[in-house]
């Protein structure tokens, strides 16, 4: 095991996980439980006021919805609550007096309700397995493209970061694949600590990850990319570091295929030149390189390596650093 590696999964799911999920699976459990409890009370009141109204179908429907939208435990508790209220009020459910038939009726209704809860849990589990990487908890490639497609309507500058974990093969060869898996889990955890729950984080290859997020301006894009670079390339740690290609896309960008390849190319430049991160901006189809940040070192002059290529338009200042817009040749 690599010292310092750990794996603490976040309890909350990223919002991108629900991208494309059917509406009937997106209902929050809290509001659903409140609504169903209210329906149960309303049904009890209606039956006590109008005894001719059959209560059995309402009882089964409320418990069935409870099992689907909230869970089996909630459905059973609601059923017990309704039964107790009916017995105490002297308005017991109209069941056959034969105890055997009564037991069959109750068990049949309970089986239907519990089967709905089990089916919902199985469906959600299959949905998760189809879209989430089981090792790191990040989205897979398919889910990434689905989530990004749903982000097309949102305003603001988009930032696409392509990260390749350095040294994973060496860890697998020297310490075993279990150690490599733990290192990847640790890397994913460090990324989650840096990004927001609304950002899209996916694993698209064995040691390759992508992050897609929206920011308000260029300064914010530089800030979030630099913060991620600092988090995953911490100085003095035994965890794996990575090379990052960061592509800033202007507002209104809807395509992602070509941009993903460009971010991949920037990542390989960062890896080849040991820069840690290369940040570039895509404007009207032209790629303008902004800066590259070297991995943290002990030398002050290597903390941030800024590329000043041939000035194309003008120098700009981002986060207190003089950066030059330049063509990538």
Protein backbone atom coordinates (compact mmCIF):
# COMPACT_ATOMS: atom_id res chain seq x y z
CA UNK A 1 0.00 0.00 0.00
CA UNK A 2 1.32 3.47 -0.87
CA UNK A 3 1.73 5.63 2.25
CA UNK A 4 -0.79 8.39 2.37
CA UNK A 5 -3.29 6.78 0.02
CA UNK A 6 -6.85 6.42 1.14
CA UNK A 7 -10.32 6.17 -0.29
CA UNK A 8 -13.20 8.09 1.21
CA UNK A 9 -16.16 8.14 -1.11
CA UNK A 10 -18.39 11.18 -0.92
CA UNK A 11 -21.87 10.34 0.19
CA UNK A 12 -23.49 12.84 -2.17
CA UNK A 13 -23.75 12.02 -5.83
CA UNK A 14 -22.63 14.55 -8.40
CA UNK A 15 -25.50 16.22 -10.20
CA UNK A 16 -24.11 14.95 -13.50
CA UNK A 17 -24.96 11.41 -12.35
CA UNK A 18 -28.66 12.22 -12.86
CA UNK A 19 -28.12 13.48 -16.40
CA UNK A 20 -30.60 11.69 -18.66
CA UNK A 21 -32.22 9.87 -15.73
CA UNK A 22 -35.99 9.33 -16.13
CA UNK A 23 -38.13 11.84 -14.25
CA UNK A 24 -39.73 9.14 -12.11
CA UNK A 25 -36.27 8.33 -10.72
CA UNK A 26 -35.33 11.93 -9.92
CA UNK A 27 -38.01 12.69 -7.32
CA UNK A 28 -36.21 13.61 -4.04
CA UNK A 29 -36.96 11.22 -1.20
CA UNK A 30 -37.69 13.95 1.36
CA UNK A 31 -40.50 15.71 -0.53
CA UNK A 32 -41.85 12.35 -1.70
CA UNK A 33 -42.07 11.06 1.87
CA UNK A 34 -43.83 14.24 3.01
CA UNK A 35 -46.34 14.10 0.15
CA UNK A 36 -47.13 10.43 0.69
CA UNK A 37 -47.57 10.90 4.44
CA UNK A 38 -50.02 13.70 3.68
CA UNK A 39 -51.88 11.45 1.23
CA UNK A 40 -52.11 8.74 3.88
CA UNK A 41 -53.66 11.15 6.39
CA UNK A 42 -56.03 12.47 3.73
CA UNK A 43 -57.12 8.94 2.83
CA UNK A 44 -57.77 8.09 6.48
CA UNK A 45 -59.81 11.27 6.92
CA UNK A 46 -61.80 10.63 3.73
CA UNK A 47 -62.59 7.06 4.77
CA UNK A 48 -63.69 8.12 8.26
CA UNK A 49 -65.91 10.86 6.81
CA UNK A 50 -67.30 8.81 3.94
CA UNK A 51 -67.27 5.15 5.05
CA UNK A 52 -68.64 4.03 1.70
CA UNK A 53 -65.38 5.03 0.05
CA UNK A 54 -63.27 1.92 -0.33
CA UNK A 55 -59.99 2.31 1.50
CA UNK A 56 -58.12 -0.79 0.32
CA UNK A 57 -57.00 0.53 -3.10
CA UNK A 58 -55.83 3.83 -1.58
CA UNK A 59 -53.90 1.95 1.08
CA UNK A 60 -52.11 -0.22 -1.48
CA UNK A 61 -51.39 2.71 -3.83
CA UNK A 62 -49.87 4.87 -1.09
CA UNK A 63 -47.66 2.03 0.15
CA UNK A 64 -46.61 1.17 -3.42
CA UNK A 65 -45.61 4.77 -4.17
CA UNK A 66 -43.79 4.88 -0.84
CA UNK A 67 -41.75 1.79 -1.73
CA UNK A 68 -40.83 3.20 -5.16
CA UNK A 69 -40.06 6.83 -4.32
CA UNK A 70 -38.74 6.48 -0.76
CA UNK A 71 -37.98 2.87 0.13
CA UNK A 72 -39.38 -0.35 1.54
CA UNK A 73 -38.89 0.66 5.16
CA UNK A 74 -40.95 3.80 4.65
CA UNK A 75 -43.68 1.81 2.89
CA UNK A 76 -43.90 -0.71 5.75
CA UNK A 77 -44.01 2.07 8.36
CA UNK A 78 -46.77 3.88 6.48
CA UNK A 79 -48.72 0.63 6.22
CA UNK A 80 -48.37 -0.05 9.94
CA UNK A 81 -49.38 3.52 10.77
CA UNK A 82 -52.51 3.30 8.63
CA UNK A 83 -53.40 -0.09 10.10
CA UNK A 84 -53.00 1.10 13.69
CA UNK A 85 -55.10 4.21 13.05
CA UNK A 86 -57.84 2.12 11.45
CA UNK A 87 -57.94 -0.37 14.32
CA UNK A 88 -57.94 2.34 17.01
CA UNK A 89 -60.73 4.25 15.30
CA UNK A 90 -62.81 1.09 14.98
CA UNK A 91 -62.69 1.23 11.21
CA UNK A 92 -60.58 -1.79 10.49
CA UNK A 93 -59.92 -2.61 6.87
CA UNK A 94 -62.61 -4.67 5.18
CA UNK A 95 -60.83 -7.98 5.06
CA UNK A 96 -62.26 -11.47 4.97
CA UNK A 97 -63.02 -12.81 8.41
CA UNK A 98 -61.24 -16.07 7.62
CA UNK A 99 -57.75 -15.66 9.14
CA UNK A 100 -56.10 -17.67 6.36
CA UNK A 101 -57.65 -15.53 3.63
CA UNK A 102 -56.82 -12.41 5.61
CA UNK A 103 -53.18 -13.48 5.91
CA UNK A 104 -53.03 -14.18 2.17
CA UNK A 105 -54.48 -10.75 1.38
CA UNK A 106 -52.02 -8.93 3.61
CA UNK A 107 -49.01 -10.94 2.46
CA UNK A 108 -49.94 -10.47 -1.21
CA UNK A 109 -50.23 -6.71 -0.80
CA UNK A 110 -46.96 -6.62 1.13
CA UNK A 111 -45.19 -8.68 -1.54
CA UNK A 112 -46.32 -6.31 -4.31
CA UNK A 113 -45.15 -3.29 -2.34
CA UNK A 114 -41.76 -4.78 -1.44
CA UNK A 115 -41.18 -5.97 -5.00
CA UNK A 116 -41.59 -2.38 -6.20
CA UNK A 117 -38.97 -1.19 -3.73
CA UNK A 118 -36.54 -3.93 -4.76
CA UNK A 119 -37.15 -3.17 -8.45
CA UNK A 120 -36.43 0.53 -7.90
CA UNK A 121 -33.17 -0.25 -6.06
CA UNK A 122 -32.08 -2.67 -8.79
CA UNK A 123 -32.91 -0.17 -11.54
CA UNK A 124 -30.92 2.58 -9.85
CA UNK A 125 -28.01 0.21 -9.28
CA UNK A 126 -27.97 -0.77 -12.95
CA UNK A 127 -28.17 2.90 -13.92
CA UNK A 128 -25.18 3.65 -11.76
CA UNK A 129 -23.11 0.72 -13.05
CA UNK A 130 -23.83 1.83 -16.62
CA UNK A 131 -22.54 5.36 -16.00
CA UNK A 132 -20.08 5.33 -13.10
CA UNK A 133 -16.57 3.91 -12.91
CA UNK A 134 -16.73 1.36 -10.06
CA UNK A 135 -13.13 1.96 -8.94
CA UNK A 136 -13.02 5.75 -8.60
CA UNK A 137 -16.69 6.72 -8.50
CA UNK A 138 -16.17 9.11 -11.42
CA UNK A 139 -18.48 9.07 -14.44
CA UNK A 140 -17.50 6.88 -17.37
CA UNK A 141 -16.95 8.10 -20.93
CA UNK A 142 -20.56 7.58 -22.04
CA UNK A 143 -22.00 9.43 -19.06
CA UNK A 144 -19.47 12.24 -19.53
CA UNK A 145 -20.65 13.02 -23.05
CA UNK A 146 -24.30 12.81 -21.94
CA UNK A 147 -23.69 15.25 -19.09
CA UNK A 148 -21.72 17.71 -21.25
CA UNK A 149 -24.48 17.66 -23.88
CA UNK A 150 -26.96 18.72 -21.21
CA UNK A 151 -24.64 21.60 -20.25
CA UNK A 152 -24.78 23.21 -23.70
CA UNK A 153 -27.58 25.62 -22.75
CA UNK A 154 -25.79 27.02 -19.70
CA UNK A 155 -24.10 30.42 -20.02
CA UNK A 156 -20.48 31.19 -19.20
CA UNK A 157 -17.02 30.14 -20.21
CA UNK A 158 -16.36 26.40 -20.23
CA UNK A 159 -13.13 24.83 -19.00
CA UNK A 160 -12.12 21.36 -20.17
CA UNK A 161 -9.27 19.70 -18.29
CA UNK A 162 -7.63 16.48 -19.47
CA UNK A 163 -5.48 14.82 -16.79
CA UNK A 164 -3.15 11.85 -17.19
CA UNK A 165 -1.84 10.24 -14.00
CA UNK A 166 1.95 9.95 -14.12
CA UNK A 167 3.77 6.86 -12.88
CA UNK A 168 0.80 4.50 -12.58
CA UNK A 169 2.50 1.74 -14.57
CA UNK A 170 5.53 1.93 -12.29
CA UNK A 171 3.34 1.59 -9.21
CA UNK A 172 1.52 -1.40 -10.72
CA UNK A 173 4.80 -3.09 -11.64
CA UNK A 174 6.61 -2.39 -8.36
CA UNK A 175 3.83 -2.58 -5.77
CA UNK A 176 1.03 -4.47 -7.48
CA UNK A 177 -2.30 -3.55 -9.03
CA UNK A 178 -4.00 -3.14 -5.65
CA UNK A 179 -1.60 -0.31 -4.86
CA UNK A 180 -2.28 1.18 -8.28
CA UNK A 181 -6.02 1.04 -7.67
CA UNK A 182 -5.59 2.79 -4.32
CA UNK A 183 -3.50 5.47 -5.98
CA UNK A 184 -6.23 6.10 -8.56
CA UNK A 185 -8.85 6.28 -5.82
CA UNK A 186 -6.70 8.77 -3.95
CA UNK A 187 -6.30 10.87 -7.09
CA UNK A 188 -10.07 10.90 -7.66
CA UNK A 189 -10.66 11.95 -4.05
CA UNK A 190 -8.20 14.84 -4.39
CA UNK A 191 -9.97 16.02 -7.53
CA UNK A 192 -13.37 15.90 -5.79
CA UNK A 193 -12.04 18.05 -2.96
CA UNK A 194 -11.18 20.73 -5.51
CA UNK A 195 -14.17 20.79 -7.86
CA UNK A 196 -17.82 21.58 -7.19
CA UNK A 197 -20.62 19.04 -7.02
CA UNK A 198 -22.06 20.53 -10.22
CA UNK A 199 -18.81 20.01 -12.19
CA UNK A 200 -18.49 16.96 -14.45
CA UNK A 201 -15.69 14.56 -13.51
CA UNK A 202 -15.10 11.38 -15.51
CA UNK A 203 -12.58 8.61 -16.04
CA UNK A 204 -12.13 8.06 -19.79
CA UNK A 205 -9.17 5.67 -19.74
CA UNK A 206 -7.00 3.57 -17.46
CA UNK A 207 -5.10 6.58 -16.09
CA UNK A 208 -6.92 9.39 -17.92
CA UNK A 209 -9.53 11.70 -16.40
CA UNK A 210 -11.47 14.69 -17.71
CA UNK A 211 -13.22 17.55 -15.94
CA UNK A 212 -15.75 19.91 -17.51
CA UNK A 213 -16.96 22.99 -15.68
CA UNK A 214 -18.42 26.46 -16.20
CA UNK A 215 -16.87 29.69 -14.93
CA UNK A 216 -17.77 33.36 -15.19
CA UNK A 217 -14.62 34.78 -16.75
CA UNK A 218 -11.07 34.05 -17.85
CA UNK A 219 -9.61 34.88 -14.46
CA UNK A 220 -11.86 32.28 -12.82
CA UNK A 221 -10.82 29.73 -15.44
CA UNK A 222 -7.15 30.30 -14.65
CA UNK A 223 -7.84 30.18 -10.93
CA UNK A 224 -9.73 26.89 -10.95
CA UNK A 225 -7.19 25.23 -13.25
CA UNK A 226 -4.30 26.40 -11.08
CA UNK A 227 -6.05 25.24 -7.91
CA UNK A 228 -6.61 21.79 -9.37
CA UNK A 229 -2.99 21.60 -10.51
CA UNK A 230 -1.79 22.53 -7.03
CA UNK A 231 -4.10 19.97 -5.38
CA UNK A 232 -3.16 16.96 -7.51
CA UNK A 233 0.53 17.87 -7.82
CA UNK A 234 1.26 18.57 -4.17
CA UNK A 235 4.90 18.96 -3.23
CA UNK A 236 6.38 16.54 -0.74
CA UNK A 237 3.70 13.84 -1.03
CA UNK A 238 4.10 10.22 -2.05
CA UNK A 239 0.90 10.24 -4.08
CA UNK A 240 0.93 10.13 -7.84
CA UNK A 241 1.04 13.37 -9.76
CA UNK A 242 -0.41 14.10 -13.16
CA UNK A 243 -0.05 16.11 -16.35
CA UNK A 244 -2.95 18.40 -17.22
CA UNK A 245 -4.10 19.96 -20.46
CA UNK A 246 -6.57 22.77 -19.72
CA UNK A 247 -8.63 24.24 -22.55
CA UNK A 248 -10.72 27.38 -21.99
CA UNK A 249 -13.68 27.53 -24.38
CA UNK A 250 -15.68 30.71 -25.04
CA UNK A 251 -19.31 31.10 -24.02
CA UNK A 252 -21.70 29.34 -26.37
CA UNK A 253 -19.43 26.38 -27.09
CA UNK A 254 -21.53 23.28 -27.68
CA UNK A 255 -19.09 20.84 -29.30
CA UNK A 256 -16.79 18.68 -27.22
CA UNK A 257 -15.22 16.02 -29.48
CA UNK A 258 -12.60 18.22 -31.16
CA UNK A 259 -12.00 20.15 -27.95
CA UNK A 260 -11.35 16.94 -26.02
CA UNK A 261 -8.68 15.98 -28.55
CA UNK A 262 -7.12 19.45 -28.20
CA UNK A 263 -7.06 19.19 -24.40
CA UNK A 264 -5.48 15.75 -24.81
CA UNK A 265 -2.78 17.28 -27.03
CA UNK A 266 -2.10 19.98 -24.44
CA UNK A 267 -1.81 17.30 -21.77
CA UNK A 268 0.80 15.42 -23.79
CA UNK A 269 2.76 18.64 -24.18
CA UNK A 270 2.67 19.14 -20.41
CA UNK A 271 3.85 15.55 -19.91
CA UNK A 272 6.58 15.78 -22.54
CA UNK A 273 7.99 19.06 -21.24
CA UNK A 274 7.33 18.19 -17.56
CA UNK A 275 5.27 21.35 -17.12
CA UNK A 276 2.53 19.92 -14.94
CA UNK A 277 -0.21 21.91 -16.66
CA UNK A 278 -0.62 23.73 -19.97
CA UNK A 279 -3.51 26.20 -20.11
CA UNK A 280 -4.79 27.48 -23.46
CA UNK A 281 -7.80 29.41 -24.71
CA UNK A 282 -9.91 28.58 -27.75
CA UNK A 283 -11.33 31.71 -29.38
CA UNK A 284 -13.17 31.70 -32.72
CA UNK A 285 -11.51 28.47 -33.77
CA UNK A 286 -7.98 29.66 -32.91
CA UNK A 287 -6.00 28.21 -30.02
CA UNK A 288 -4.24 30.86 -27.93
CA UNK A 289 -1.84 29.47 -25.35
CA UNK A 290 -1.98 31.29 -22.04
CA UNK A 291 0.36 29.61 -19.60
CA UNK A 292 1.94 26.43 -18.32
CA UNK A 293 2.42 25.69 -14.66
CA UNK A 294 5.26 23.43 -13.58
CA UNK A 295 4.73 20.90 -10.78
CA UNK A 296 5.71 22.26 -7.36
CA UNK A 297 9.46 22.07 -6.75
CA UNK A 298 11.93 23.42 -4.23
CA UNK A 299 13.19 26.05 -6.64
CA UNK A 300 11.35 29.36 -6.54
CA UNK A 301 11.81 30.06 -10.25
CA UNK A 302 10.16 26.75 -11.18
CA UNK A 303 6.99 27.23 -9.22
CA UNK A 304 5.18 28.67 -12.25
CA UNK A 305 6.68 28.49 -15.72
CA UNK A 306 4.94 31.03 -17.92
CA UNK A 307 5.24 30.68 -21.67
CA UNK A 308 5.73 34.01 -23.44
CA UNK A 309 5.56 33.17 -27.11
CA UNK A 310 5.17 35.58 -29.99
CA UNK A 311 2.52 38.10 -29.01
CA UNK A 312 -0.51 37.69 -31.19
CA UNK A 313 -2.81 40.41 -29.91
CA UNK A 314 -1.80 41.78 -26.55
CA UNK A 315 -0.53 40.81 -23.12
CA UNK A 316 -3.20 40.12 -20.55
CA UNK A 317 -3.01 39.81 -16.78
CA UNK A 318 -4.59 36.82 -15.11
CA UNK A 319 -4.30 36.32 -11.36
CA UNK A 320 -1.38 38.72 -11.11
CA UNK A 321 0.72 36.98 -13.78
CA UNK A 322 1.67 38.48 -17.13
CA UNK A 323 0.53 36.06 -19.80
CA UNK A 324 0.86 36.44 -23.53
CA UNK A 325 -1.69 35.26 -26.03
CA UNK A 326 0.24 33.20 -28.55
CA UNK A 327 -0.26 30.73 -31.30
CA UNK A 328 0.52 27.12 -30.57
CA UNK A 329 2.87 25.95 -33.27
